[in-house]
Each structure stands twice: as structure tokens, then as C-alpha cells.
């Protein structure tokens, strides 16, 4: 009887949420991604392998109002994120881009990341080149979004450039991250930035969702999210 109850509860929880894959606009990104939750290690209850998103949703990843792909998570160092399959180097001659229309909800967190360029863990320092993060209070600025760029490829050198992207908007906003010819291009809510990242020698990939740097909870809605190599 106990086993039947647990199985019934599992199926109820599985189908209590609508799947983002039910919308055509999310097929492209989900076909080339896996879901990491609540940690980077595969968890059969909450993680999804590459391209296996059909009919899938859970409490950390679901469709809202038949419009938005939602990521939700609580707890320091926990995450609900897409990890895109295709790797690239910053000296690529073909541009790699991640394009989103997003709205963020800090809830009770003090800092969380919602977009990243991360390094492939093999033969690397296992650190992100870029994080786009919300911080509750940083450098006397409250409720701002920051681009945090690692400025050294050496594991023992903790050097970062932190760019204030402005106060969090209580609406959807557009972000495009592009890498080509040793440059990082960032278009954030119609503000454009260019960074020289020629010092970065590692393989990289895009991530999108919620990754918490503090305790508390956060949620992110994506109205648009796609990624394409561009000639």
C-alpha cells in the first residue's frame, strides 16, 4: 500500500505542471539543452538529459500561462538551469549567441545568476567567464543587475570586472550575449557593451535559468530563449 501511495504521489506531482516543450517557440533551445537541478549532478527526479524535454515539467521547471518557461529554485548553490550542448571558444570565427526575453523575481534571495557563459569542466578552472546576476545590495546600489566577467584565466587569480547594468525592471527585458573573434558582446535592454576576452583559452557553453549565490528563493520567466551559431 505504501509503495502504491508513493507512486501515485509521484505521478500527480509529475503532471501537476505543464511542459514548456508544448510550445513550439521553446523547441529549438530545449532540443539542444539539458536541465540541471537542483545541482549540476544528474538527479533523475528533477534533471533532464539532452533533448528529452517532451512532456516534461516539475516544480523547478514548468510552463506558466501557456506563455513562459519558468525556472524556480531555493537554497544557496542550488540551481534550475539549462546547460546548452554546443561548446565554443572565444576566438571562434563563427559567432555564438544566446538571445532571451526575460523577467526575474528575486523573492527572498540576496543574489542569483540567470545567464552564464561557463567553462567546460575538463582541463579548465571550472569558473564562468560571464555571469549576469541580480544583487540585492552591492556597492551601495540596491536591486541592480550586474555583468560579472572573470578577467584572468589563471585559477589562482581572482580578478573580475563588474559592470552595473542598471536597476532591475519589473517587466520583461531583452538580453543578447554573443561571442566572436575574442570579443564578448552584450546587448542588455538596448544598452550595448563590448569586452576583449582574448585571454580566455577554455571551451565554453551557455547556461540560463536560476543559480543561487545565497540562501532564499528566486524565479525567472523566459518569454523568448534561443541560441544559434551565426556565420
Protein backbone atom coordinates (compact mmCIF):
# COMPACT_ATOMS: atom_id res chain seq x y z
CA UNK A 1 0.00 0.00 0.00
CA UNK A 2 2.82 2.39 0.90
CA UNK A 3 4.54 1.79 -2.48
CA UNK A 4 1.29 2.48 -4.34
CA UNK A 5 0.81 5.73 -2.41
CA UNK A 6 4.35 6.90 -3.22
CA UNK A 7 3.91 6.00 -6.90
CA UNK A 8 0.57 7.82 -7.07
CA UNK A 9 2.09 10.92 -5.44
CA UNK A 10 4.98 10.84 -7.92
CA UNK A 11 2.67 10.78 -10.95
CA UNK A 12 0.44 13.51 -9.51
CA UNK A 13 3.46 15.75 -8.95
CA UNK A 14 4.81 14.95 -12.41
CA UNK A 15 1.63 16.01 -14.22
CA UNK A 16 0.71 18.94 -11.97
CA UNK A 17 2.78 21.25 -14.20
CA UNK A 18 2.56 21.98 -17.91
CA UNK A 19 5.62 21.29 -20.06
CA UNK A 20 7.47 24.20 -21.75
CA UNK A 21 8.09 21.85 -24.68
CA UNK A 22 4.37 22.06 -25.51
CA UNK A 23 5.10 25.45 -27.13
CA UNK A 24 6.87 25.46 -30.48
CA UNK A 25 8.87 28.57 -29.59
CA UNK A 26 10.84 26.62 -26.97
CA UNK A 27 11.64 23.57 -29.13
CA UNK A 28 14.90 24.97 -30.51
CA UNK A 29 16.53 25.67 -27.17
CA UNK A 30 15.26 22.54 -25.43
CA UNK A 31 16.38 20.27 -28.26
CA UNK A 32 19.99 21.34 -27.63
CA UNK A 33 19.92 21.54 -23.82
CA UNK A 34 19.80 19.53 -20.62
CA UNK A 35 18.26 20.60 -17.31
CA UNK A 36 20.44 20.69 -14.19
CA UNK A 37 18.50 20.69 -10.90
CA UNK A 38 18.93 21.07 -8.00
CA UNK A 39 22.71 20.62 -8.51
CA UNK A 40 24.96 20.09 -11.52
CA UNK A 41 24.92 16.33 -10.94
CA UNK A 42 22.20 14.37 -12.70
CA UNK A 43 19.17 13.83 -10.48
CA UNK A 44 16.55 11.54 -12.07
CA UNK A 45 13.74 13.32 -10.22
CA UNK A 46 14.47 16.87 -11.36
CA UNK A 47 17.11 16.72 -14.12
CA UNK A 48 16.62 16.13 -17.84
CA UNK A 49 19.12 14.66 -20.28
CA UNK A 50 19.90 16.39 -23.58
CA UNK A 51 16.85 16.77 -25.79
CA UNK A 52 14.46 14.74 -23.59
CA UNK A 53 12.05 17.53 -22.62
CA UNK A 54 8.91 16.32 -24.39
CA UNK A 55 6.01 16.24 -21.89
CA UNK A 56 8.41 17.05 -19.04
CA UNK A 57 7.85 19.51 -16.18
CA UNK A 58 8.44 19.65 -12.44
CA UNK A 59 8.19 22.18 -9.61
CA UNK A 60 11.51 23.74 -10.62
CA UNK A 61 10.82 23.89 -14.38
CA UNK A 62 7.39 24.42 -15.95
CA UNK A 63 5.18 26.41 -18.31
CA UNK A 64 3.27 29.42 -16.94
CA UNK A 65 0.07 30.81 -18.50
CA UNK A 66 0.81 28.86 -21.68
CA UNK A 67 3.44 31.54 -22.45
CA UNK A 68 6.50 31.45 -20.24
CA UNK A 69 9.24 28.96 -19.45
CA UNK A 70 9.75 29.16 -15.68
CA UNK A 71 12.77 28.23 -13.57
CA UNK A 72 12.43 28.21 -9.76
CA UNK A 73 14.86 27.25 -7.02
CA UNK A 74 15.69 27.78 -3.33
CA UNK A 75 18.92 27.31 -1.41
CA UNK A 76 22.50 28.53 -1.72
CA UNK A 77 24.43 26.93 -4.61
CA UNK A 78 21.30 25.20 -5.89
CA UNK A 79 20.13 25.73 -9.43
CA UNK A 80 17.50 25.04 -12.07
CA UNK A 81 19.31 25.78 -15.32
CA UNK A 82 19.57 24.80 -18.94
CA UNK A 83 23.06 23.74 -19.99
CA UNK A 84 23.39 24.15 -23.75
CA UNK A 85 25.12 21.31 -25.55
CA UNK A 86 27.32 23.13 -28.04
CA UNK A 87 30.73 24.32 -26.81
CA UNK A 88 32.74 27.17 -28.29
CA UNK A 89 35.94 29.13 -27.76
CA UNK A 90 36.11 32.92 -27.64
CA UNK A 91 38.35 33.02 -30.72
CA UNK A 92 35.58 31.46 -32.83
CA UNK A 93 35.19 32.90 -36.32
CA UNK A 94 31.52 31.93 -36.27
CA UNK A 95 29.51 33.90 -33.72
CA UNK A 96 27.70 32.03 -30.95
CA UNK A 97 24.78 33.81 -29.33
CA UNK A 98 22.15 33.42 -26.64
CA UNK A 99 19.04 35.56 -27.04
CA UNK A 100 16.38 35.93 -24.35
CA UNK A 101 13.39 37.96 -23.28
CA UNK A 102 13.26 37.53 -19.53
CA UNK A 103 11.64 38.70 -16.30
CA UNK A 104 13.24 37.94 -12.94
CA UNK A 105 11.76 37.53 -9.46
CA UNK A 106 14.30 37.61 -6.59
CA UNK A 107 11.66 36.51 -4.00
CA UNK A 108 13.89 36.06 -0.90
CA UNK A 109 17.39 35.62 -2.39
CA UNK A 110 20.13 38.23 -1.99
CA UNK A 111 21.98 37.21 -5.15
CA UNK A 112 21.30 34.88 -8.05
CA UNK A 113 22.52 34.34 -11.59
CA UNK A 114 20.17 33.90 -14.55
CA UNK A 115 22.52 33.84 -17.57
CA UNK A 116 26.07 32.48 -17.89
CA UNK A 117 28.95 31.67 -20.15
CA UNK A 118 30.57 28.79 -18.27
CA UNK A 119 33.71 26.80 -18.96
CA UNK A 120 33.76 23.14 -19.83
CA UNK A 121 35.00 21.41 -16.67
CA UNK A 122 37.59 19.19 -18.35
CA UNK A 123 41.05 20.81 -18.35
CA UNK A 124 39.71 24.15 -17.11
CA UNK A 125 39.32 26.20 -13.94
CA UNK A 126 35.59 25.39 -13.79
CA UNK A 127 34.57 29.04 -13.47
CA UNK A 128 32.19 31.15 -15.56
CA UNK A 129 33.65 33.70 -17.92
CA UNK A 130 30.42 35.69 -17.56
CA UNK A 131 27.55 35.81 -15.09
CA UNK A 132 24.51 38.05 -15.43
CA UNK A 133 23.29 38.33 -11.87
CA UNK A 134 20.85 40.24 -9.69
CA UNK A 135 22.17 41.54 -6.36
CA UNK A 136 20.02 42.91 -3.58
CA UNK A 137 22.70 45.31 -2.35
CA UNK A 138 26.15 45.78 -3.87
CA UNK A 139 28.45 48.84 -3.88
CA UNK A 140 25.64 50.85 -2.28
CA UNK A 141 23.32 50.05 -5.18
CA UNK A 142 20.13 48.19 -4.36
CA UNK A 143 18.17 45.91 -6.68
CA UNK A 144 20.61 46.15 -9.59
CA UNK A 145 21.68 43.66 -12.26
CA UNK A 146 25.39 43.11 -12.87
CA UNK A 147 27.60 41.62 -15.56
CA UNK A 148 30.42 39.83 -13.74
CA UNK A 149 33.31 38.96 -16.07
CA UNK A 150 36.33 36.93 -14.99
CA UNK A 151 39.45 38.81 -16.14
CA UNK A 152 42.07 36.12 -15.60
CA UNK A 153 42.34 32.60 -16.96
CA UNK A 154 44.60 31.58 -14.07
CA UNK A 155 42.94 29.52 -11.36
CA UNK A 156 44.76 31.30 -8.51
CA UNK A 157 43.95 34.84 -9.72
CA UNK A 158 40.52 36.05 -8.56
CA UNK A 159 40.12 39.09 -10.79
CA UNK A 160 36.72 40.30 -12.07
CA UNK A 161 35.20 43.20 -13.94
CA UNK A 162 31.77 44.05 -12.52
CA UNK A 163 29.54 46.17 -14.76
CA UNK A 164 26.37 47.76 -13.41
CA UNK A 165 23.62 47.08 -15.95
CA UNK A 166 21.04 49.14 -14.07
CA UNK A 167 18.20 48.70 -11.65
CA UNK A 168 16.02 45.63 -12.10
CA UNK A 169 12.99 46.33 -14.27
CA UNK A 170 9.63 44.97 -13.14
CA UNK A 171 8.93 43.81 -16.70
CA UNK A 172 10.35 41.62 -19.42
CA UNK A 173 13.62 42.83 -20.93
CA UNK A 174 15.83 41.62 -23.79
CA UNK A 175 19.36 40.28 -23.45
CA UNK A 176 21.70 39.06 -26.19
CA UNK A 177 25.10 37.57 -25.40
CA UNK A 178 27.41 36.96 -28.37
CA UNK A 179 30.99 35.71 -28.67
CA UNK A 180 33.16 36.11 -31.77
CA UNK A 181 36.82 36.85 -32.60
CA UNK A 182 37.92 37.08 -28.96
CA UNK A 183 35.20 39.58 -28.11
CA UNK A 184 32.19 39.32 -25.84
CA UNK A 185 29.22 41.39 -27.00
CA UNK A 186 26.43 42.13 -24.55
CA UNK A 187 23.17 43.84 -25.51
CA UNK A 188 21.20 44.39 -22.32
CA UNK A 189 17.83 46.13 -22.59
CA UNK A 190 19.11 48.16 -25.58
CA UNK A 191 22.41 49.06 -23.87
CA UNK A 192 25.42 47.69 -25.75
CA UNK A 193 28.78 46.59 -24.32
CA UNK A 194 31.90 45.03 -25.86
CA UNK A 195 34.67 43.28 -23.90
CA UNK A 196 38.02 41.90 -25.03
CA UNK A 197 38.21 38.31 -23.76
CA UNK A 198 41.22 37.11 -25.77
CA UNK A 199 42.90 35.90 -22.55
CA UNK A 200 40.24 33.19 -22.14
CA UNK A 201 41.51 29.89 -23.60
CA UNK A 202 38.86 27.42 -22.46
CA UNK A 203 35.87 25.72 -24.10
CA UNK A 204 32.61 27.40 -23.08
CA UNK A 205 28.86 26.93 -23.16
CA UNK A 206 25.77 28.99 -22.35
CA UNK A 207 23.54 28.48 -19.30
CA UNK A 208 20.17 30.01 -18.47
CA UNK A 209 17.81 29.72 -15.51
CA UNK A 210 18.31 30.24 -11.76
CA UNK A 211 21.55 29.68 -9.87
CA UNK A 212 21.58 30.96 -6.28
CA UNK A 213 24.66 32.50 -4.66
CA UNK A 214 22.81 32.96 -1.33
CA UNK A 215 20.08 31.32 0.67
CA UNK A 216 16.50 32.15 -0.26
CA UNK A 217 14.48 31.58 -3.42
CA UNK A 218 14.31 33.08 -6.91
CA UNK A 219 12.27 32.59 -10.06
CA UNK A 220 12.81 33.50 -13.72
CA UNK A 221 10.31 33.70 -16.61
CA UNK A 222 11.51 33.41 -20.22
CA UNK A 223 9.17 34.62 -22.93
CA UNK A 224 11.89 34.00 -25.55
CA UNK A 225 15.07 31.98 -25.40
CA UNK A 226 17.12 30.66 -28.30
CA UNK A 227 20.72 30.12 -29.33
CA UNK A 228 22.28 29.88 -32.78
CA UNK A 229 25.75 29.79 -34.32
CA UNK A 230 25.85 32.75 -36.74
CA UNK A 231 28.04 32.87 -39.85
